[in-house]
Amino acid sequence: LLGCAHPAQVPVFERDLCWAPPGGPLDIPA
């Protein structure tokens, strides 16, 4: 789950069902 600046932004139904890596967007092509 991308786009979360803080763990509190993870939707409640997604908690413990995904990883929201901090640090901004990821370079998908790389």
mmCIF file of all heavy atoms, coordinates in Angstrom:
data_MODEL
# 
_entry.id   MODEL 
# 
loop_
_atom_site.group_PDB 
_atom_site.id 
_atom_site.type_symbol 
_atom_site.label_atom_id 
_atom_site.label_alt_id 
_atom_site.label_comp_id 
_atom_site.label_asym_id 
_atom_site.label_entity_id 
_atom_site.label_seq_id 
_atom_site.pdbx_PDB_ins_code 
_atom_site.Cartn_x 
_atom_site.Cartn_y 
_atom_site.Cartn_z 
_atom_site.occupancy 
_atom_site.B_iso_or_equiv 
_atom_site.pdbx_formal_charge 
_atom_site.auth_seq_id 
_atom_site.auth_comp_id 
_atom_site.auth_asym_id 
_atom_site.auth_atom_id 
_atom_site.pdbx_PDB_model_num 
ATOM 1   N N   . LEU A 1 1  ? 0.866   -1.184 0.000   1.00 0.00 ? 1  LEU A N   1 
ATOM 2   C CA  . LEU A 1 1  ? 0.000   0.000  0.000   1.00 0.00 ? 1  LEU A CA  1 
ATOM 3   C C   . LEU A 1 1  ? 0.894   1.222  0.000   1.00 0.00 ? 1  LEU A C   1 
ATOM 4   O O   . LEU A 1 1  ? 1.635   1.476  0.958   1.00 0.00 ? 1  LEU A O   1 
ATOM 5   C CB  . LEU A 1 1  ? -0.912  -0.006 1.231   1.00 0.00 ? 1  LEU A CB  1 
ATOM 6   C CG  . LEU A 1 1  ? -1.831  1.206  1.402   1.00 0.00 ? 1  LEU A CG  1 
ATOM 7   C CD1 . LEU A 1 1  ? -2.734  1.393  0.180   1.00 0.00 ? 1  LEU A CD1 1 
ATOM 8   C CD2 . LEU A 1 1  ? -2.685  1.057  2.659   1.00 0.00 ? 1  LEU A CD2 1 
ATOM 9   N N   . LEU A 1 2  ? 0.847   1.977  -1.092  1.00 0.00 ? 2  LEU A N   1 
ATOM 10  C CA  . LEU A 1 2  ? 1.707   3.141  -1.252  1.00 0.00 ? 2  LEU A CA  1 
ATOM 11  C C   . LEU A 1 2  ? 0.918   4.418  -1.030  1.00 0.00 ? 2  LEU A C   1 
ATOM 12  O O   . LEU A 1 2  ? -0.278  4.476  -1.268  1.00 0.00 ? 2  LEU A O   1 
ATOM 13  C CB  . LEU A 1 2  ? 2.319   3.148  -2.661  1.00 0.00 ? 2  LEU A CB  1 
ATOM 14  C CG  . LEU A 1 2  ? 2.998   1.861  -3.120  1.00 0.00 ? 2  LEU A CG  1 
ATOM 15  C CD1 . LEU A 1 2  ? 3.667   2.066  -4.471  1.00 0.00 ? 2  LEU A CD1 1 
ATOM 16  C CD2 . LEU A 1 2  ? 3.991   1.358  -2.093  1.00 0.00 ? 2  LEU A CD2 1 
ATOM 17  N N   . GLY A 1 3  ? 1.627   5.441  -0.585  1.00 0.00 ? 3  GLY A N   1 
ATOM 18  C CA  . GLY A 1 3  ? 0.999   6.745  -0.391  1.00 0.00 ? 3  GLY A CA  1 
ATOM 19  C C   . GLY A 1 3  ? 0.673   7.064  1.053   1.00 0.00 ? 3  GLY A C   1 
ATOM 20  O O   . GLY A 1 3  ? 0.054   8.095  1.329   1.00 0.00 ? 3  GLY A O   1 
ATOM 21  N N   . CYS A 1 4  ? 1.057   6.211  1.994   1.00 0.00 ? 4  CYS A N   1 
ATOM 22  C CA  . CYS A 1 4  ? 0.781   6.449  3.418   1.00 0.00 ? 4  CYS A CA  1 
ATOM 23  C C   . CYS A 1 4  ? 1.962   7.175  4.055   1.00 0.00 ? 4  CYS A C   1 
ATOM 24  O O   . CYS A 1 4  ? 3.062   6.622  4.144   1.00 0.00 ? 4  CYS A O   1 
ATOM 25  C CB  . CYS A 1 4  ? 0.533   5.142  4.159   1.00 0.00 ? 4  CYS A CB  1 
ATOM 26  S SG  . CYS A 1 4  ? -1.005  4.330  3.721   1.00 0.00 ? 4  CYS A SG  1 
ATOM 27  N N   . ALA A 1 5  ? 1.738   8.391  4.496   1.00 0.00 ? 5  ALA A N   1 
ATOM 28  C CA  . ALA A 1 5  ? 2.784   9.122  5.194   1.00 0.00 ? 5  ALA A CA  1 
ATOM 29  C C   . ALA A 1 5  ? 2.897   8.682  6.646   1.00 0.00 ? 5  ALA A C   1 
ATOM 30  O O   . ALA A 1 5  ? 3.921   8.883  7.295   1.00 0.00 ? 5  ALA A O   1 
ATOM 31  C CB  . ALA A 1 5  ? 2.508   10.623 5.126   1.00 0.00 ? 5  ALA A CB  1 
ATOM 32  N N   . HIS A 1 6  ? 1.823   8.065  7.151   1.00 0.00 ? 6  HIS A N   1 
ATOM 33  C CA  . HIS A 1 6  ? 1.786   7.642  8.554   1.00 0.00 ? 6  HIS A CA  1 
ATOM 34  C C   . HIS A 1 6  ? 0.956   6.361  8.639   1.00 0.00 ? 6  HIS A C   1 
ATOM 35  O O   . HIS A 1 6  ? -0.017  6.202  7.888   1.00 0.00 ? 6  HIS A O   1 
ATOM 36  C CB  . HIS A 1 6  ? 1.157   8.752  9.412   1.00 0.00 ? 6  HIS A CB  1 
ATOM 37  C CG  . HIS A 1 6  ? 1.274   8.508  10.883  1.00 0.00 ? 6  HIS A CG  1 
ATOM 38  N ND1 . HIS A 1 6  ? 0.373   7.703  11.574  1.00 0.00 ? 6  HIS A ND1 1 
ATOM 39  C CD2 . HIS A 1 6  ? 2.192   8.923  11.798  1.00 0.00 ? 6  HIS A CD2 1 
ATOM 40  C CE1 . HIS A 1 6  ? 0.734   7.661  12.844  1.00 0.00 ? 6  HIS A CE1 1 
ATOM 41  N NE2 . HIS A 1 6  ? 1.832   8.402  13.005  1.00 0.00 ? 6  HIS A NE2 1 
ATOM 42  N N   . PRO A 1 7  ? 1.307   5.428  9.539   1.00 0.00 ? 7  PRO A N   1 
ATOM 43  C CA  . PRO A 1 7  ? 0.528   4.187  9.653   1.00 0.00 ? 7  PRO A CA  1 
ATOM 44  C C   . PRO A 1 7  ? -0.959  4.404  9.900   1.00 0.00 ? 7  PRO A C   1 
ATOM 45  O O   . PRO A 1 7  ? -1.782  3.563  9.529   1.00 0.00 ? 7  PRO A O   1 
ATOM 46  C CB  . PRO A 1 7  ? 1.186   3.478  10.843  1.00 0.00 ? 7  PRO A CB  1 
ATOM 47  C CG  . PRO A 1 7  ? 2.586   3.994  10.873  1.00 0.00 ? 7  PRO A CG  1 
ATOM 48  C CD  . PRO A 1 7  ? 2.501   5.413  10.414  1.00 0.00 ? 7  PRO A CD  1 
ATOM 49  N N   . ALA A 1 8  ? -1.315  5.558  10.495  1.00 0.00 ? 8  ALA A N   1 
ATOM 50  C CA  . ALA A 1 8  ? -2.728  5.827  10.762  1.00 0.00 ? 8  ALA A CA  1 
ATOM 51  C C   . ALA A 1 8  ? -3.524  6.005  9.479   1.00 0.00 ? 8  ALA A C   1 
ATOM 52  O O   . ALA A 1 8  ? -4.759  5.935  9.493   1.00 0.00 ? 8  ALA A O   1 
ATOM 53  C CB  . ALA A 1 8  ? -2.877  7.068  11.637  1.00 0.00 ? 8  ALA A CB  1 
ATOM 54  N N   . GLN A 1 9  ? -2.859  6.203  8.346   1.00 0.00 ? 9  GLN A N   1 
ATOM 55  C CA  . GLN A 1 9  ? -3.552  6.367  7.078   1.00 0.00 ? 9  GLN A CA  1 
ATOM 56  C C   . GLN A 1 9  ? -3.962  5.032  6.450   1.00 0.00 ? 9  GLN A C   1 
ATOM 57  O O   . GLN A 1 9  ? -4.723  5.021  5.476   1.00 0.00 ? 9  GLN A O   1 
ATOM 58  C CB  . GLN A 1 9  ? -2.675  7.144  6.089   1.00 0.00 ? 9  GLN A CB  1 
ATOM 59  C CG  . GLN A 1 9  ? -2.509  8.614  6.422   1.00 0.00 ? 9  GLN A CG  1 
ATOM 60  C CD  . GLN A 1 9  ? -1.678  9.311  5.370   1.00 0.00 ? 9  GLN A CD  1 
ATOM 61  O OE1 . GLN A 1 9  ? -0.449  9.295  5.400   1.00 0.00 ? 9  GLN A OE1 1 
ATOM 62  N NE2 . GLN A 1 9  ? -2.355  9.928  4.416   1.00 0.00 ? 9  GLN A NE2 1 
ATOM 63  N N   . VAL A 1 10 ? -3.460  3.934  6.961   1.00 0.00 ? 10 VAL A N   1 
ATOM 64  C CA  . VAL A 1 10 ? -3.850  2.627  6.421   1.00 0.00 ? 10 VAL A CA  1 
ATOM 65  C C   . VAL A 1 10 ? -5.328  2.410  6.711   1.00 0.00 ? 10 VAL A C   1 
ATOM 66  O O   . VAL A 1 10 ? -5.764  2.522  7.867   1.00 0.00 ? 10 VAL A O   1 
ATOM 67  C CB  . VAL A 1 10 ? -3.014  1.498  7.057   1.00 0.00 ? 10 VAL A CB  1 
ATOM 68  C CG1 . VAL A 1 10 ? -3.485  0.132  6.548   1.00 0.00 ? 10 VAL A CG1 1 
ATOM 69  C CG2 . VAL A 1 10 ? -1.537  1.699  6.760   1.00 0.00 ? 10 VAL A CG2 1 
ATOM 70  N N   . PRO A 1 11 ? -6.150  2.127  5.698   1.00 0.00 ? 11 PRO A N   1 
ATOM 71  C CA  . PRO A 1 11 ? -7.582  1.898  5.947   1.00 0.00 ? 11 PRO A CA  1 
ATOM 72  C C   . PRO A 1 11 ? -7.786  0.809  6.988   1.00 0.00 ? 11 PRO A C   1 
ATOM 73  O O   . PRO A 1 11 ? -7.034  -0.174 7.045   1.00 0.00 ? 11 PRO A O   1 
ATOM 74  C CB  . PRO A 1 11 ? -8.110  1.462  4.570   1.00 0.00 ? 11 PRO A CB  1 
ATOM 75  C CG  . PRO A 1 11 ? -7.156  2.075  3.591   1.00 0.00 ? 11 PRO A CG  1 
ATOM 76  C CD  . PRO A 1 11 ? -5.814  2.033  4.262   1.00 0.00 ? 11 PRO A CD  1 
ATOM 77  N N   . VAL A 1 12 ? -8.809  0.978  7.813   1.00 0.00 ? 12 VAL A N   1 
ATOM 78  C CA  . VAL A 1 12 ? -9.007  0.077  8.937   1.00 0.00 ? 12 VAL A CA  1 
ATOM 79  C C   . VAL A 1 12 ? -9.155  -1.372 8.485   1.00 0.00 ? 12 VAL A C   1 
ATOM 80  O O   . VAL A 1 12 ? -8.679  -2.295 9.150   1.00 0.00 ? 12 VAL A O   1 
ATOM 81  C CB  . VAL A 1 12 ? -10.222 0.532  9.778   1.00 0.00 ? 12 VAL A CB  1 
ATOM 82  C CG1 . VAL A 1 12 ? -11.517 0.451  8.958   1.00 0.00 ? 12 VAL A CG1 1 
ATOM 83  C CG2 . VAL A 1 12 ? -10.338 -0.304 11.056  1.00 0.00 ? 12 VAL A CG2 1 
ATOM 84  N N   . PHE A 1 13 ? -9.801  -1.610 7.335   1.00 0.00 ? 13 PHE A N   1 
ATOM 85  C CA  . PHE A 1 13 ? -10.002 -2.973 6.862   1.00 0.00 ? 13 PHE A CA  1 
ATOM 86  C C   . PHE A 1 13 ? -8.750  -3.557 6.210   1.00 0.00 ? 13 PHE A C   1 
ATOM 87  O O   . PHE A 1 13 ? -8.734  -4.728 5.855   1.00 0.00 ? 13 PHE A O   1 
ATOM 88  C CB  . PHE A 1 13 ? -11.182 -3.035 5.887   1.00 0.00 ? 13 PHE A CB  1 
ATOM 89  C CG  . PHE A 1 13 ? -12.503 -2.735 6.530   1.00 0.00 ? 13 PHE A CG  1 
ATOM 90  C CD1 . PHE A 1 13 ? -13.202 -1.594 6.200   1.00 0.00 ? 13 PHE A CD1 1 
ATOM 91  C CD2 . PHE A 1 13 ? -13.037 -3.595 7.484   1.00 0.00 ? 13 PHE A CD2 1 
ATOM 92  C CE1 . PHE A 1 13 ? -14.422 -1.304 6.805   1.00 0.00 ? 13 PHE A CE1 1 
ATOM 93  C CE2 . PHE A 1 13 ? -14.248 -3.310 8.092   1.00 0.00 ? 13 PHE A CE2 1 
ATOM 94  C CZ  . PHE A 1 13 ? -14.951 -2.169 7.757   1.00 0.00 ? 13 PHE A CZ  1 
ATOM 95  N N   . GLU A 1 14 ? -7.716  -2.737 6.056   1.00 0.00 ? 14 GLU A N   1 
ATOM 96  C CA  . GLU A 1 14 ? -6.472  -3.215 5.454   1.00 0.00 ? 14 GLU A CA  1 
ATOM 97  C C   . GLU A 1 14 ? -5.385  -3.473 6.498   1.00 0.00 ? 14 GLU A C   1 
ATOM 98  O O   . GLU A 1 14 ? -4.317  -3.980 6.150   1.00 0.00 ? 14 GLU A O   1 
ATOM 99  C CB  . GLU A 1 14 ? -5.951  -2.193 4.439   1.00 0.00 ? 14 GLU A CB  1 
ATOM 100 C CG  . GLU A 1 14 ? -6.835  -1.999 3.234   1.00 0.00 ? 14 GLU A CG  1 
ATOM 101 C CD  . GLU A 1 14 ? -6.728  -3.150 2.238   1.00 0.00 ? 14 GLU A CD  1 
ATOM 102 O OE1 . GLU A 1 14 ? -5.887  -4.033 2.436   1.00 0.00 ? 14 GLU A OE1 1 
ATOM 103 O OE2 . GLU A 1 14 ? -7.501  -3.160 1.266   1.00 0.00 ? 14 GLU A OE2 1 
ATOM 104 N N   . ARG A 1 15 ? -5.632  -3.136 7.737   1.00 0.00 ? 15 ARG A N   1 
ATOM 105 C CA  . ARG A 1 15 ? -4.608  -3.308 8.765   1.00 0.00 ? 15 ARG A CA  1 
ATOM 106 C C   . ARG A 1 15 ? -4.269  -4.787 8.944   1.00 0.00 ? 15 ARG A C   1 
ATOM 107 O O   . ARG A 1 15 ? -5.145  -5.632 8.973   1.00 0.00 ? 15 ARG A O   1 
ATOM 108 C CB  . ARG A 1 15 ? -5.079  -2.704 10.086  1.00 0.00 ? 15 ARG A CB  1 
ATOM 109 C CG  . ARG A 1 15 ? -5.174  -1.175 10.008  1.00 0.00 ? 15 ARG A CG  1 
ATOM 110 C CD  . ARG A 1 15 ? -5.754  -0.571 11.270  1.00 0.00 ? 15 ARG A CD  1 
ATOM 111 N NE  . ARG A 1 15 ? -5.980  0.865  11.104  1.00 0.00 ? 15 ARG A NE  1 
ATOM 112 C CZ  . ARG A 1 15 ? -6.615  1.635  11.969  1.00 0.00 ? 15 ARG A CZ  1 
ATOM 113 N NH1 . ARG A 1 15 ? -7.100  1.102  13.083  1.00 0.00 ? 15 ARG A NH1 1 
ATOM 114 N NH2 . ARG A 1 15 ? -6.776  2.921  11.737  1.00 0.00 ? 15 ARG A NH2 1 
ATOM 115 N N   . ASP A 1 16 ? -2.982  -5.059 9.021   1.00 0.00 ? 16 ASP A N   1 
ATOM 116 C CA  . ASP A 1 16 ? -2.451  -6.425 9.139   1.00 0.00 ? 16 ASP A CA  1 
ATOM 117 C C   . ASP A 1 16 ? -2.689  -7.248 7.880   1.00 0.00 ? 16 ASP A C   1 
ATOM 118 O O   . ASP A 1 16 ? -2.554  -8.478 7.914   1.00 0.00 ? 16 ASP A O   1 
ATOM 119 C CB  . ASP A 1 16 ? -3.049  -7.151 10.351  1.00 0.00 ? 16 ASP A CB  1 
ATOM 120 C CG  . ASP A 1 16 ? -2.716  -6.461 11.659  1.00 0.00 ? 16 ASP A CG  1 
ATOM 121 O OD1 . ASP A 1 16 ? -1.582  -5.955 11.782  1.00 0.00 ? 16 ASP A OD1 1 
ATOM 122 O OD2 . ASP A 1 16 ? -3.577  -6.422 12.552  1.00 0.00 ? 16 ASP A OD2 1 
ATOM 123 N N   . LEU A 1 17 ? -3.049  -6.601 6.756   1.00 0.00 ? 17 LEU A N   1 
ATOM 124 C CA  . LEU A 1 17 ? -3.280  -7.324 5.503   1.00 0.00 ? 17 LEU A CA  1 
ATOM 125 C C   . LEU A 1 17 ? -2.449  -6.739 4.359   1.00 0.00 ? 17 LEU A C   1 
ATOM 126 O O   . LEU A 1 17 ? -2.653  -7.102 3.204   1.00 0.00 ? 17 LEU A O   1 
ATOM 127 C CB  . LEU A 1 17 ? -4.767  -7.296 5.137   1.00 0.00 ? 17 LEU A CB  1 
ATOM 128 C CG  . LEU A 1 17 ? -5.705  -8.010 6.108   1.00 0.00 ? 17 LEU A CG  1 
ATOM 129 C CD1 . LEU A 1 17 ? -7.153  -7.751 5.730   1.00 0.00 ? 17 LEU A CD1 1 
ATOM 130 C CD2 . LEU A 1 17 ? -5.424  -9.517 6.129   1.00 0.00 ? 17 LEU A CD2 1 
ATOM 131 N N   . CYS A 1 18 ? -1.529  -5.832 4.674   1.00 0.00 ? 18 CYS A N   1 
ATOM 132 C CA  . CYS A 1 18 ? -0.677  -5.245 3.650   1.00 0.00 ? 18 CYS A CA  1 
ATOM 133 C C   . CYS A 1 18 ? 0.508   -4.591 4.350   1.00 0.00 ? 18 CYS A C   1 
ATOM 134 O O   . CYS A 1 18 ? 0.547   -4.489 5.577   1.00 0.00 ? 18 CYS A O   1 
ATOM 135 C CB  . CYS A 1 18 ? -1.438  -4.209 2.808   1.00 0.00 ? 18 CYS A CB  1 
ATOM 136 S SG  . CYS A 1 18 ? -2.041  -2.795 3.766   1.00 0.00 ? 18 CYS A SG  1 
ATOM 137 N N   . TRP A 1 19 ? 1.473   -4.153 3.548   1.00 0.00 ? 19 TRP A N   1 
ATOM 138 C CA  . TRP A 1 19 ? 2.616   -3.403 4.066   1.00 0.00 ? 19 TRP A CA  1 
ATOM 139 C C   . TRP A 1 19 ? 2.594   -2.030 3.429   1.00 0.00 ? 19 TRP A C   1 
ATOM 140 O O   . TRP A 1 19 ? 2.506   -1.905 2.203   1.00 0.00 ? 19 TRP A O   1 
ATOM 141 C CB  . TRP A 1 19 ? 3.919   -4.123 3.748   1.00 0.00 ? 19 TRP A CB  1 
ATOM 142 C CG  . TRP A 1 19 ? 5.163   -3.396 4.205   1.00 0.00 ? 19 TRP A CG  1 
ATOM 143 C CD1 . TRP A 1 19 ? 5.261   -2.502 5.232   1.00 0.00 ? 19 TRP A CD1 1 
ATOM 144 C CD2 . TRP A 1 19 ? 6.479   -3.507 3.643   1.00 0.00 ? 19 TRP A CD2 1 
ATOM 145 N NE1 . TRP A 1 19 ? 6.563   -2.049 5.363   1.00 0.00 ? 19 TRP A NE1 1 
ATOM 146 C CE2 . TRP A 1 19 ? 7.331   -2.647 4.399   1.00 0.00 ? 19 TRP A CE2 1 
ATOM 147 C CE3 . TRP A 1 19 ? 7.009   -4.247 2.578   1.00 0.00 ? 19 TRP A CE3 1 
ATOM 148 C CZ2 . TRP A 1 19 ? 8.687   -2.529 4.115   1.00 0.00 ? 19 TRP A CZ2 1 
ATOM 149 C CZ3 . TRP A 1 19 ? 8.365   -4.119 2.300   1.00 0.00 ? 19 TRP A CZ3 1 
ATOM 150 C CH2 . TRP A 1 19 ? 9.197   -3.268 3.065   1.00 0.00 ? 19 TRP A CH2 1 
ATOM 151 N N   . ALA A 1 20 ? 2.621   -0.993 4.264   1.00 0.00 ? 20 ALA A N   1 
ATOM 152 C CA  . ALA A 1 20 ? 2.660   0.384  3.785   1.00 0.00 ? 20 ALA A CA  1 
ATOM 153 C C   . ALA A 1 20 ? 4.056   0.947  4.065   1.00 0.00 ? 20 ALA A C   1 
ATOM 154 O O   . ALA A 1 20 ? 4.293   1.552  5.109   1.00 0.00 ? 20 ALA A O   1 
ATOM 155 C CB  . ALA A 1 20 ? 1.591   1.225  4.477   1.00 0.00 ? 20 ALA A CB  1 
ATOM 156 N N   . PRO A 1 21 ? 5.008   0.732  3.140   1.00 0.00 ? 21 PRO A N   1 
ATOM 157 C CA  . PRO A 1 21 ? 6.376   1.208  3.391   1.00 0.00 ? 21 PRO A CA  1 
ATOM 158 C C   . PRO A 1 21 ? 6.410   2.730  3.464   1.00 0.00 ? 21 PRO A C   1 
ATOM 159 O O   . PRO A 1 21 ? 5.843   3.401  2.597   1.00 0.00 ? 21 PRO A O   1 
ATOM 160 C CB  . PRO A 1 21 ? 7.169   0.706  2.171   1.00 0.00 ? 21 PRO A CB  1 
ATOM 161 C CG  . PRO A 1 21 ? 6.278   -0.235 1.438   1.00 0.00 ? 21 PRO A CG  1 
ATOM 162 C CD  . PRO A 1 21 ? 4.880   0.109  1.827   1.00 0.00 ? 21 PRO A CD  1 
ATOM 163 N N   . PRO A 1 22 ? 7.052   3.291  4.476   1.00 0.00 ? 22 PRO A N   1 
ATOM 164 C CA  . PRO A 1 22 ? 7.152   4.753  4.562   1.00 0.00 ? 22 PRO A CA  1 
ATOM 165 C C   . PRO A 1 22 ? 8.190   5.275  3.575   1.00 0.00 ? 22 PRO A C   1 
ATOM 166 O O   . PRO A 1 22 ? 8.970   4.516  2.998   1.00 0.00 ? 22 PRO A O   1 
ATOM 167 C CB  . PRO A 1 22 ? 7.598   4.971  6.010   1.00 0.00 ? 22 PRO A CB  1 
ATOM 168 C CG  . PRO A 1 22 ? 8.377   3.729  6.343   1.00 0.00 ? 22 PRO A CG  1 
ATOM 169 C CD  . PRO A 1 22 ? 7.699   2.606  5.607   1.00 0.00 ? 22 PRO A CD  1 
ATOM 170 N N   . GLY A 1 23 ? 8.186   6.576  3.385   1.00 0.00 ? 23 GLY A N   1 
ATOM 171 C CA  . GLY A 1 23 ? 9.245   7.176  2.590   1.00 0.00 ? 23 GLY A CA  1 
ATOM 172 C C   . GLY A 1 23 ? 8.848   7.649  1.217   1.00 0.00 ? 23 GLY A C   1 
ATOM 173 O O   . GLY A 1 23 ? 9.706   7.862  0.364   1.00 0.00 ? 23 GLY A O   1 
ATOM 174 N N   . GLY A 1 24 ? 7.566   7.799  0.960   1.00 0.00 ? 24 GLY A N   1 
ATOM 175 C CA  . GLY A 1 24 ? 7.149   8.348  -0.329  1.00 0.00 ? 24 GLY A CA  1 
ATOM 176 C C   . GLY A 1 24 ? 6.935   7.278  -1.371  1.00 0.00 ? 24 GLY A C   1 
ATOM 177 O O   . GLY A 1 24 ? 6.995   6.080  -1.092  1.00 0.00 ? 24 GLY A O   1 
ATOM 178 N N   . PRO A 1 25 ? 6.696   7.708  -2.622  1.00 0.00 ? 25 PRO A N   1 
ATOM 179 C CA  . PRO A 1 25 ? 6.396   6.759  -3.703  1.00 0.00 ? 25 PRO A CA  1 
ATOM 180 C C   . PRO A 1 25 ? 7.595   5.868  -4.017  1.00 0.00 ? 25 PRO A C   1 
ATOM 181 O O   . PRO A 1 25 ? 8.748   6.207  -3.733  1.00 0.00 ? 25 PRO A O   1 
ATOM 182 C CB  . PRO A 1 25 ? 6.049   7.670  -4.887  1.00 0.00 ? 25 PRO A CB  1 
ATOM 183 C CG  . PRO A 1 25 ? 6.725   8.963  -4.581  1.00 0.00 ? 25 PRO A CG  1 
ATOM 184 C CD  . PRO A 1 25 ? 6.696   9.107  -3.090  1.00 0.00 ? 25 PRO A CD  1 
ATOM 185 N N   . LEU A 1 26 ? 7.312   4.721  -4.625  1.00 0.00 ? 26 LEU A N   1 
ATOM 186 C CA  . LEU A 1 26 ? 8.360   3.788  -5.021  1.00 0.00 ? 26 LEU A CA  1 
ATOM 187 C C   . LEU A 1 26 ? 8.584   3.863  -6.530  1.00 0.00 ? 26 LEU A C   1 
ATOM 188 O O   . LEU A 1 26 ? 7.663   4.156  -7.297  1.00 0.00 ? 26 LEU A O   1 
ATOM 189 C CB  . LEU A 1 26 ? 7.975   2.355  -4.633  1.00 0.00 ? 26 LEU A CB  1 
ATOM 190 C CG  . LEU A 1 26 ? 7.761   2.073  -3.147  1.00 0.00 ? 26 LEU A CG  1 
ATOM 191 C CD1 . LEU A 1 26 ? 7.399   0.598  -2.941  1.00 0.00 ? 26 LEU A CD1 1 
ATOM 192 C CD2 . LEU A 1 26 ? 9.002   2.430  -2.336  1.00 0.00 ? 26 LEU A CD2 1 
ATOM 193 N N   . ASP A 1 27 ? 9.803   3.588  -6.937  1.00 0.00 ? 27 ASP A N   1 
ATOM 194 C CA  . ASP A 1 27 ? 10.172  3.575  -8.358  1.00 0.00 ? 27 ASP A CA  1 
ATOM 195 C C   . ASP A 1 27 ? 9.782   2.201  -8.915  1.00 0.00 ? 27 ASP A C   1 
ATOM 196 O O   . ASP A 1 27 ? 10.572  1.252  -8.870  1.00 0.00 ? 27 ASP A O   1 
ATOM 197 C CB  . ASP A 1 27 ? 11.668  3.826  -8.496  1.00 0.00 ? 27 ASP A CB  1 
ATOM 198 C CG  . ASP A 1 27 ? 12.119  3.958  -9.956  1.00 0.00 ? 27 ASP A CG  1 
ATOM 199 O OD1 . ASP A 1 27 ? 11.361  3.509  -10.843 1.00 0.00 ? 27 ASP A OD1 1 
ATOM 200 O OD2 . ASP A 1 27 ? 13.231  4.461  -10.187 1.00 0.00 ? 27 ASP A OD2 1 
ATOM 201 N N   . ILE A 1 28 ? 8.559   2.090  -9.423  1.00 0.00 ? 28 ILE A N   1 
ATOM 202 C CA  . ILE A 1 28 ? 8.048   0.808  -9.909  1.00 0.00 ? 28 ILE A CA  1 
ATOM 203 C C   . ILE A 1 28 ? 8.865   0.272  -11.091 1.00 0.00 ? 28 ILE A C   1 
ATOM 204 O O   . ILE A 1 28 ? 9.190   -0.918 -11.131 1.00 0.00 ? 28 ILE A O   1 
ATOM 205 C CB  . ILE A 1 28 ? 6.557   0.924  -10.273 1.00 0.00 ? 28 ILE A CB  1 
ATOM 206 C CG1 . ILE A 1 28 ? 5.726   1.308  -9.025  1.00 0.00 ? 28 ILE A CG1 1 
ATOM 207 C CG2 . ILE A 1 28 ? 6.044   -0.393 -10.859 1.00 0.00 ? 28 ILE A CG2 1 
ATOM 208 C CD1 . ILE A 1 28 ? 5.743   0.301  -7.910  1.00 0.00 ? 28 ILE A CD1 1 
ATOM 209 N N   . PRO A 1 29 ? 9.238   1.099  -12.094 1.00 0.00 ? 29 PRO A N   1 
ATOM 210 C CA  . PRO A 1 29 ? 10.054  0.571  -13.193 1.00 0.00 ? 29 PRO A CA  1 
ATOM 211 C C   . PRO A 1 29 ? 11.372  -0.042 -12.713 1.00 0.00 ? 29 PRO A C   1 
ATOM 212 O O   . PRO A 1 29 ? 11.794  -1.087 -13.225 1.00 0.00 ? 29 PRO A O   1 
ATOM 213 C CB  . PRO A 1 29 ? 10.284  1.791  -14.085 1.00 0.00 ? 29 PRO A CB  1 
ATOM 214 C CG  . PRO A 1 29 ? 9.082   2.660  -13.834 1.00 0.00 ? 29 PRO A CG  1 
ATOM 215 C CD  . PRO A 1 29 ? 8.790   2.483  -12.372 1.00 0.00 ? 29 PRO A CD  1 
ATOM 216 N N   . ALA A 1 30 ? 12.031  0.584  -11.743 1.00 0.00 ? 30 ALA A N   1 
ATOM 217 C CA  . ALA A 1 30 ? 13.283  0.030  -11.226 1.00 0.00 ? 30 ALA A CA  1 
ATOM 218 C C   . ALA A 1 30 ? 13.026  -1.293 -10.507 1.00 0.00 ? 30 ALA A C   1 
ATOM 219 O O   . ALA A 1 30 ? 13.816  -2.237 -10.625 1.00 0.00 ? 30 ALA A O   1 
ATOM 220 C CB  . ALA A 1 30 ? 13.949  1.031  -10.282 1.00 0.00 ? 30 ALA A CB  1 
# 
